[in-house]
Structure formats: structure tokens, C-alpha cells
């Protein structure tokens, strides 16, 4: 019965509570609304700061990672060039040896 009057129409509530009690509850509700608003604003500011911090860390990490990838790509490119050069030298050496063998067979 208490809850139905508490949650019921303003007339039922007004008849159940005295005027001072209603004003007291309104004051409490107003205070709670202001506290909730203040806490939400504080948390929102804190959350914004944390998000910016995380974004900065991600940016730094991403920049560092891109730098490392670039260095690895350069090293890989140099390695490919070295391998190609060594293959060319080996082919030339083998061709020279084969020619020497052929010349030796032909002259024999």
C-alpha cells in the first residue's frame, strides 16, 4: 500500500506525505540528480583523457612498427640484390669452367 501511494498519483502521494516530507524528498532528488550529473561529467572528462592517451600510444606504436617494417623491407631488398649478384657471378664462373672443359676436350 505504501508503494502504491508512493508511486501513485500526485494527489495520493500528497495525501500520504506531509508537505515538509515532500519538499525534503524533492531536495534529495534534486541533490542526487546534481551529483549524478557531476559524476558523469567527471567520468566523461577522465574517459576522454584516457582515450587520448591510448590513441597517442597507438600512434607511437604504429609509427615505430612502420619504421621497423620499412627497415626490414630495405634489408630484404638488399639481400635479394646480393643473392642475384651472387647467382650471376656463379653462372659466369660455371660458364667459364664449362668453356674451359669444352676447349680442353676439343683440343685433346
C-alpha atoms as a PDB file:
ATOM      1  CA  UNK A   1       0.000   0.000   0.000  1.00  0.00           C
ATOM      2  CA  UNK A   2       2.879   2.316   0.816  1.00  0.00           C
ATOM      3  CA  UNK A   3       4.473   1.726  -2.611  1.00  0.00           C
ATOM      4  CA  UNK A   4       1.209   2.266  -4.484  1.00  0.00           C
ATOM      5  CA  UNK A   5       0.796   5.591  -2.752  1.00  0.00           C
ATOM      6  CA  UNK A   6       4.454   6.445  -3.233  1.00  0.00           C
ATOM      7  CA  UNK A   7       4.346   5.602  -6.927  1.00  0.00           C
ATOM      8  CA  UNK A   8       0.725   6.584  -7.433  1.00  0.00           C
ATOM      9  CA  UNK A   9      -0.864   9.863  -8.463  1.00  0.00           C
ATOM     10  CA  UNK A  10       0.357  13.175  -7.044  1.00  0.00           C
ATOM     11  CA  UNK A  11      -2.882  13.550  -5.067  1.00  0.00           C
ATOM     12  CA  UNK A  12      -2.468  10.138  -3.380  1.00  0.00           C
ATOM     13  CA  UNK A  13       1.163  10.880  -2.671  1.00  0.00           C
ATOM     14  CA  UNK A  14       0.360  14.334  -1.350  1.00  0.00           C
ATOM     15  CA  UNK A  15      -2.278  12.966   0.999  1.00  0.00           C
ATOM     16  CA  UNK A  16       0.070  10.258   2.272  1.00  0.00           C
ATOM     17  CA  UNK A  17       3.059  12.536   2.938  1.00  0.00           C
ATOM     18  CA  UNK A  18       3.123  15.824   4.741  1.00  0.00           C
ATOM     19  CA  UNK A  19       4.188  18.900   2.795  1.00  0.00           C
ATOM     20  CA  UNK A  20       7.568  19.050   4.526  1.00  0.00           C
ATOM     21  CA  UNK A  21       8.332  15.446   3.673  1.00  0.00           C
ATOM     22  CA  UNK A  22       7.562  16.056   0.003  1.00  0.00           C
ATOM     23  CA  UNK A  23       9.843  19.090  -0.058  1.00  0.00           C
ATOM     24  CA  UNK A  24      12.530  17.077   1.703  1.00  0.00           C
ATOM     25  CA  UNK A  25      12.279  14.301  -0.897  1.00  0.00           C
ATOM     26  CA  UNK A  26      12.333  16.829  -3.731  1.00  0.00           C
ATOM     27  CA  UNK A  27      15.501  18.310  -2.231  1.00  0.00           C
ATOM     28  CA  UNK A  28      17.072  14.876  -2.001  1.00  0.00           C
ATOM     29  CA  UNK A  29      16.097  14.043  -5.588  1.00  0.00           C
ATOM     30  CA  UNK A  30      17.470  17.391  -6.786  1.00  0.00           C
ATOM     31  CA  UNK A  31      20.724  16.761  -4.905  1.00  0.00           C
ATOM     32  CA  UNK A  32      21.018  13.243  -6.328  1.00  0.00           C
ATOM     33  CA  UNK A  33      20.369  14.494  -9.870  1.00  0.00           C
ATOM     34  CA  UNK A  34      23.124  17.083  -9.469  1.00  0.00           C
ATOM     35  CA  UNK A  35      25.527  14.501  -8.035  1.00  0.00           C
ATOM     36  CA  UNK A  36      24.841  12.080 -10.855  1.00  0.00           C
ATOM     37  CA  UNK A  37      25.373  14.861 -13.397  1.00  0.00           C
ATOM     38  CA  UNK A  38      28.643  15.906 -11.712  1.00  0.00           C
ATOM     39  CA  UNK A  39      29.933  12.324 -11.574  1.00  0.00           C
ATOM     40  CA  UNK A  40      29.027  11.723 -15.221  1.00  0.00           C
ATOM     41  CA  UNK A  41      30.861  14.904 -16.254  1.00  0.00           C
ATOM     42  CA  UNK A  42      33.943  13.920 -14.217  1.00  0.00           C
ATOM     43  CA  UNK A  43      33.965  10.408 -15.625  1.00  0.00           C
ATOM     44  CA  UNK A  44      33.415  11.722 -19.137  1.00  0.00           C
ATOM     45  CA  UNK A  45      36.434  14.017 -18.797  1.00  0.00           C
ATOM     46  CA  UNK A  46      38.507  11.206 -17.360  1.00  0.00           C
ATOM     47  CA  UNK A  47      37.410   8.854 -20.122  1.00  0.00           C
ATOM     48  CA  UNK A  48      38.266  11.452 -22.775  1.00  0.00           C
ATOM     49  CA  UNK A  49      41.752  11.835 -21.289  1.00  0.00           C
ATOM     50  CA  UNK A  50      42.245   8.078 -21.204  1.00  0.00           C
ATOM     51  CA  UNK A  51      41.070   7.716 -24.803  1.00  0.00           C
ATOM     52  CA  UNK A  52      43.510  10.414 -25.948  1.00  0.00           C
ATOM     53  CA  UNK A  53      46.331   8.668 -24.068  1.00  0.00           C
ATOM     54  CA  UNK A  54      45.508   5.326 -25.688  1.00  0.00           C
ATOM     55  CA  UNK A  55      45.272   6.959 -29.139  1.00  0.00           C
ATOM     56  CA  UNK A  56      48.701   8.572 -28.657  1.00  0.00           C
ATOM     57  CA  UNK A  57      50.222   5.250 -27.607  1.00  0.00           C
ATOM     58  CA  UNK A  58      48.687   3.527 -30.607  1.00  0.00           C
ATOM     59  CA  UNK A  59      50.035   6.247 -32.892  1.00  0.00           C
ATOM     60  CA  UNK A  60      53.551   5.940 -31.448  1.00  0.00           C
ATOM     61  CA  UNK A  61      53.402   2.151 -31.670  1.00  0.00           C
ATOM     62  CA  UNK A  62      52.113   2.309 -35.236  1.00  0.00           C
ATOM     63  CA  UNK A  63      54.865   4.740 -36.258  1.00  0.00           C
ATOM     64  CA  UNK A  64      57.502   2.516 -34.643  1.00  0.00           C
ATOM     65  CA  UNK A  65      56.062  -0.569 -36.332  1.00  0.00           C
ATOM     66  CA  UNK A  66      56.023   1.141 -39.739  1.00  0.00           C
ATOM     67  CA  UNK A  67      59.644   2.153 -39.229  1.00  0.00           C
ATOM     68  CA  UNK A  68      60.606  -1.434 -38.405  1.00  0.00           C
ATOM     69  CA  UNK A  69      58.692  -2.758 -41.426  1.00  0.00           C
ATOM     70  CA  UNK A  70      60.433  -0.221 -43.655  1.00  0.00           C
ATOM     71  CA  UNK A  71      63.839  -1.274 -42.302  1.00  0.00           C
ATOM     72  CA  UNK A  72      63.021  -4.939 -42.876  1.00  0.00           C
ATOM     73  CA  UNK A  73      61.865  -4.229 -46.434  1.00  0.00           C
ATOM     74  CA  UNK A  74      65.126  -2.391 -47.157  1.00  0.00           C
ATOM     75  CA  UNK A  75      67.194  -5.244 -45.704  1.00  0.00           C
ATOM     76  CA  UNK A  76      65.191  -7.773 -47.731  1.00  0.00           C
ATOM     77  CA  UNK A  77      65.704  -5.745 -50.894  1.00  0.00           C
ATOM     78  CA  UNK A  78      69.469  -5.625 -50.258  1.00  0.00           C
ATOM     79  CA  UNK A  79      69.516  -9.362 -49.584  1.00  0.00           C
ATOM     80  CA  UNK A  80      67.689 -10.045 -52.870  1.00  0.00           C
ATOM     81  CA  UNK A  81      70.180  -7.876 -54.739  1.00  0.00           C
ATOM     82  CA  UNK A  82      73.111  -9.700 -53.099  1.00  0.00           C
ATOM     83  CA  UNK A  83      71.600 -13.089 -53.970  1.00  0.00           C
ATOM     84  CA  UNK A  84      71.012 -12.020 -57.578  1.00  0.00           C
ATOM     85  CA  UNK A  85      74.596 -10.742 -57.836  1.00  0.00           C
ATOM     86  CA  UNK A  86      75.989 -13.982 -56.367  1.00  0.00           C
ATOM     87  CA  UNK A  87      73.877 -16.055 -58.749  1.00  0.00           C
ATOM     88  CA  UNK A  88      75.151 -14.043 -61.694  1.00  0.00           C
ATOM     89  CA  UNK A  89      78.751 -14.491 -60.543  1.00  0.00           C
ATOM     90  CA  UNK A  90      78.216 -18.230 -60.056  1.00  0.00           C
ATOM     91  CA  UNK A  91      76.662 -18.549 -63.522  1.00  0.00           C
ATOM     92  CA  UNK A  92      79.588 -16.678 -65.069  1.00  0.00           C
ATOM     93  CA  UNK A  93      82.075 -18.837 -63.174  1.00  0.00           C
ATOM     94  CA  UNK A  94      80.265 -22.029 -64.233  1.00  0.00           C
ATOM     95  CA  UNK A  95      80.083 -20.845 -67.838  1.00  0.00           C
ATOM     96  CA  UNK A  96      83.803 -20.090 -67.790  1.00  0.00           C
ATOM     97  CA  UNK A  97      84.604 -23.529 -66.368  1.00  0.00           C
ATOM     98  CA  UNK A  98      82.348 -25.246 -68.902  1.00  0.00           C
ATOM     99  CA  UNK A  99      84.001 -23.340 -71.689  1.00  0.00           C
ATOM    100  CA  UNK A 100      87.414 -24.351 -70.376  1.00  0.00           C
ATOM    101  CA  UNK A 101      86.294 -28.005 -70.217  1.00  0.00           C
ATOM    102  CA  UNK A 102      84.882 -27.814 -73.762  1.00  0.00           C
ATOM    103  CA  UNK A 103      88.060 -26.170 -75.031  1.00  0.00           C
ATOM    104  CA  UNK A 104      90.150 -28.849 -73.308  1.00  0.00           C
ATOM    105  CA  UNK A 105      88.001 -31.631 -74.856  1.00  0.00           C
ATOM    106  CA  UNK A 106      88.151 -30.025 -78.290  1.00  0.00           C
ATOM    107  CA  UNK A 107      91.905 -29.558 -78.078  1.00  0.00           C
ATOM    108  CA  UNK A 108      92.521 -33.094 -76.896  1.00  0.00           C
END
